[in-house]
């Protein structure tokens, strides 16, 4: 996301399909998440995601796992 915001992403695609799955799970749009990543460090981003994950049900987590793993 930082490379996306800095315009240095080269051949990388943001948001890619995997990004979209995770962002949908976190209920945040790609642009908002990229803006957050631009001003927060990695630990703050992890904390943000973990706080959201805490209130998600185990069924939600399992569904995301299944979508990611195919």
N, C-alpha and C. Protein backbone atom coordinates (compact mmCIF):
# COMPACT_ATOMS: atom_id res chain seq x y z
N UNK A 1 0.81 -1.18 0.00
CA UNK A 1 0.00 0.00 0.00
C UNK A 1 0.86 1.25 0.00
N UNK A 2 1.97 1.18 0.69
CA UNK A 2 2.84 2.36 0.72
C UNK A 2 3.39 2.66 -0.67
N UNK A 3 3.79 1.62 -1.39
CA UNK A 3 4.28 1.82 -2.75
C UNK A 3 3.17 2.38 -3.64
N UNK A 4 1.96 1.91 -3.44
CA UNK A 4 0.81 2.43 -4.19
C UNK A 4 0.64 3.92 -3.94
N UNK A 5 0.70 4.33 -2.67
CA UNK A 5 0.53 5.74 -2.32
C UNK A 5 1.71 6.58 -2.81
N UNK A 6 2.90 5.99 -2.87
CA UNK A 6 4.08 6.72 -3.32
C UNK A 6 4.26 6.68 -4.82
N UNK A 7 3.45 5.91 -5.52
CA UNK A 7 3.56 5.79 -6.97
C UNK A 7 4.77 4.97 -7.41
N UNK A 8 5.25 4.08 -6.54
CA UNK A 8 6.44 3.29 -6.85
C UNK A 8 6.14 1.80 -6.89
N UNK A 9 4.93 1.42 -7.21
CA UNK A 9 4.52 0.02 -7.11
C UNK A 9 4.97 -0.83 -8.28
N UNK A 10 5.48 -0.26 -9.35
CA UNK A 10 5.99 -1.00 -10.50
C UNK A 10 4.91 -1.93 -11.04
N UNK A 11 5.17 -3.23 -11.09
CA UNK A 11 4.23 -4.19 -11.65
C UNK A 11 3.22 -4.72 -10.64
N UNK A 12 3.33 -4.31 -9.40
CA UNK A 12 2.42 -4.78 -8.37
C UNK A 12 1.05 -4.14 -8.55
N UNK A 13 0.03 -4.90 -8.24
CA UNK A 13 -1.34 -4.42 -8.34
C UNK A 13 -1.90 -4.23 -6.94
N UNK A 14 -2.40 -3.06 -6.67
CA UNK A 14 -3.09 -2.80 -5.40
C UNK A 14 -4.38 -2.08 -5.72
N UNK A 15 -5.47 -2.59 -5.25
CA UNK A 15 -5.62 -3.82 -4.48
C UNK A 15 -5.75 -5.03 -5.39
N UNK A 16 -4.99 -6.05 -5.09
CA UNK A 16 -5.09 -7.31 -5.83
C UNK A 16 -6.27 -8.10 -5.25
N UNK A 17 -6.66 -9.20 -5.88
CA UNK A 17 -7.79 -9.97 -5.36
C UNK A 17 -7.62 -10.41 -3.90
N UNK A 18 -6.41 -10.78 -3.51
CA UNK A 18 -6.19 -11.16 -2.10
C UNK A 18 -6.37 -9.95 -1.19
N UNK A 19 -5.83 -8.81 -1.58
CA UNK A 19 -6.04 -7.58 -0.81
C UNK A 19 -7.54 -7.34 -0.62
N UNK A 20 -8.29 -7.50 -1.70
CA UNK A 20 -9.73 -7.23 -1.65
C UNK A 20 -10.44 -8.16 -0.67
N UNK A 21 -10.04 -9.43 -0.62
CA UNK A 21 -10.63 -10.36 0.35
C UNK A 21 -10.39 -9.89 1.78
N UNK A 22 -9.14 -9.55 2.07
CA UNK A 22 -8.78 -9.14 3.43
C UNK A 22 -9.41 -7.80 3.78
N UNK A 23 -9.38 -6.85 2.86
CA UNK A 23 -9.97 -5.55 3.12
C UNK A 23 -11.48 -5.66 3.33
N UNK A 24 -12.13 -6.52 2.57
CA UNK A 24 -13.55 -6.74 2.76
C UNK A 24 -13.82 -7.32 4.15
N UNK A 25 -12.99 -8.27 4.56
CA UNK A 25 -13.09 -8.86 5.90
C UNK A 25 -12.92 -7.79 6.98
N UNK A 26 -11.98 -6.88 6.76
CA UNK A 26 -11.73 -5.80 7.72
C UNK A 26 -12.76 -4.66 7.60
N UNK A 27 -13.59 -4.75 6.56
CA UNK A 27 -14.61 -3.73 6.29
C UNK A 27 -14.01 -2.34 6.12
N UNK A 28 -12.96 -2.30 5.30
CA UNK A 28 -12.30 -1.03 4.99
C UNK A 28 -12.01 -1.01 3.48
N UNK A 29 -12.18 0.14 2.87
CA UNK A 29 -11.90 0.21 1.43
C UNK A 29 -10.40 0.38 1.19
N UNK A 30 -9.99 0.04 -0.01
CA UNK A 30 -8.57 0.02 -0.36
C UNK A 30 -7.90 1.38 -0.18
N UNK A 31 -8.56 2.43 -0.59
CA UNK A 31 -7.98 3.77 -0.50
C UNK A 31 -7.80 4.19 0.97
N UNK A 32 -8.80 3.93 1.79
CA UNK A 32 -8.70 4.27 3.21
C UNK A 32 -7.56 3.50 3.88
N UNK A 33 -7.44 2.22 3.53
CA UNK A 33 -6.38 1.42 4.12
C UNK A 33 -5.01 1.91 3.66
N UNK A 34 -4.90 2.25 2.40
CA UNK A 34 -3.63 2.78 1.88
C UNK A 34 -3.28 4.09 2.57
N UNK A 35 -4.27 4.94 2.80
CA UNK A 35 -4.03 6.20 3.51
C UNK A 35 -3.54 5.93 4.93
N UNK A 36 -4.14 4.95 5.59
CA UNK A 36 -3.72 4.59 6.94
C UNK A 36 -2.29 4.07 6.93
N UNK A 37 -1.98 3.19 5.96
CA UNK A 37 -0.64 2.61 5.88
C UNK A 37 0.43 3.66 5.60
N UNK A 38 0.03 4.72 4.93
CA UNK A 38 0.98 5.79 4.60
C UNK A 38 1.47 6.53 5.84
N UNK A 39 0.64 6.61 6.87
CA UNK A 39 0.99 7.41 8.05
C UNK A 39 1.23 6.57 9.31
N UNK A 40 0.97 5.26 9.23
CA UNK A 40 1.16 4.38 10.39
C UNK A 40 2.32 3.43 10.11
N UNK A 41 2.95 2.96 11.18
CA UNK A 41 4.00 1.96 10.99
C UNK A 41 3.38 0.56 10.98
N UNK A 42 4.19 -0.44 10.71
CA UNK A 42 3.68 -1.80 10.57
C UNK A 42 2.96 -2.28 11.83
N UNK A 43 3.52 -2.00 13.00
CA UNK A 43 2.90 -2.44 14.25
C UNK A 43 1.51 -1.82 14.43
N UNK A 44 1.36 -0.56 14.05
CA UNK A 44 0.06 0.09 14.16
C UNK A 44 -0.96 -0.51 13.20
N UNK A 45 -0.50 -0.91 12.03
CA UNK A 45 -1.39 -1.55 11.06
C UNK A 45 -1.82 -2.92 11.59
N UNK A 46 -0.90 -3.67 12.15
CA UNK A 46 -1.23 -4.97 12.73
C UNK A 46 -2.22 -4.79 13.87
N UNK A 47 -2.00 -3.83 14.74
CA UNK A 47 -2.93 -3.56 15.84
C UNK A 47 -4.33 -3.24 15.32
N UNK A 48 -4.40 -2.43 14.28
CA UNK A 48 -5.67 -2.06 13.67
C UNK A 48 -6.41 -3.32 13.20
N UNK A 49 -5.71 -4.18 12.47
CA UNK A 49 -6.32 -5.40 11.95
C UNK A 49 -6.71 -6.36 13.08
N UNK A 50 -5.86 -6.47 14.08
CA UNK A 50 -6.16 -7.38 15.19
C UNK A 50 -7.39 -6.92 15.98
N UNK A 51 -7.55 -5.62 16.15
CA UNK A 51 -8.73 -5.11 16.86
C UNK A 51 -10.01 -5.48 16.12
N UNK A 52 -9.99 -5.37 14.81
CA UNK A 52 -11.16 -5.74 14.03
C UNK A 52 -11.38 -7.24 14.09
N UNK A 53 -10.31 -8.01 13.98
CA UNK A 53 -10.41 -9.47 13.98
C UNK A 53 -11.00 -9.98 15.29
N UNK A 54 -10.75 -9.30 16.40
CA UNK A 54 -11.25 -9.74 17.70
C UNK A 54 -12.76 -9.84 17.75
N UNK A 55 -13.45 -8.93 17.08
CA UNK A 55 -14.91 -8.97 17.15
C UNK A 55 -15.54 -9.79 16.04
N UNK A 56 -14.74 -10.31 15.12
CA UNK A 56 -15.27 -11.17 14.06
C UNK A 56 -15.49 -12.58 14.63
N UNK A 57 -16.50 -13.25 14.17
CA UNK A 57 -16.80 -14.59 14.66
C UNK A 57 -15.80 -15.60 14.10
N UNK A 58 -15.75 -16.75 14.74
CA UNK A 58 -14.89 -17.82 14.25
C UNK A 58 -15.35 -18.26 12.86
N UNK A 59 -16.65 -18.21 12.62
CA UNK A 59 -17.18 -18.55 11.30
C UNK A 59 -16.66 -17.58 10.24
N UNK A 60 -16.62 -16.29 10.59
CA UNK A 60 -16.07 -15.28 9.66
C UNK A 60 -14.61 -15.56 9.36
N UNK A 61 -13.86 -15.88 10.40
CA UNK A 61 -12.43 -16.17 10.22
C UNK A 61 -12.23 -17.40 9.34
N UNK A 62 -13.02 -18.42 9.58
CA UNK A 62 -12.91 -19.66 8.80
C UNK A 62 -13.29 -19.41 7.34
N UNK A 63 -14.31 -18.63 7.11
CA UNK A 63 -14.71 -18.30 5.75
C UNK A 63 -13.59 -17.58 5.01
N UNK A 64 -12.94 -16.63 5.70
CA UNK A 64 -11.81 -15.92 5.08
C UNK A 64 -10.69 -16.90 4.77
N UNK A 65 -10.37 -17.79 5.70
CA UNK A 65 -9.32 -18.79 5.48
C UNK A 65 -9.64 -19.63 4.24
N UNK A 66 -10.88 -20.07 4.13
CA UNK A 66 -11.28 -20.89 3.00
C UNK A 66 -11.16 -20.13 1.69
N UNK A 67 -11.54 -18.86 1.70
CA UNK A 67 -11.44 -18.05 0.48
C UNK A 67 -9.98 -17.85 0.08
N UNK A 68 -9.12 -17.62 1.06
CA UNK A 68 -7.70 -17.40 0.77
C UNK A 68 -7.03 -18.68 0.27
N UNK A 69 -7.33 -19.78 0.93
CA UNK A 69 -6.67 -21.04 0.59
C UNK A 69 -7.29 -21.74 -0.60
N UNK A 70 -8.46 -21.25 -1.03
CA UNK A 70 -9.10 -21.81 -2.21
C UNK A 70 -9.87 -23.00 -1.89
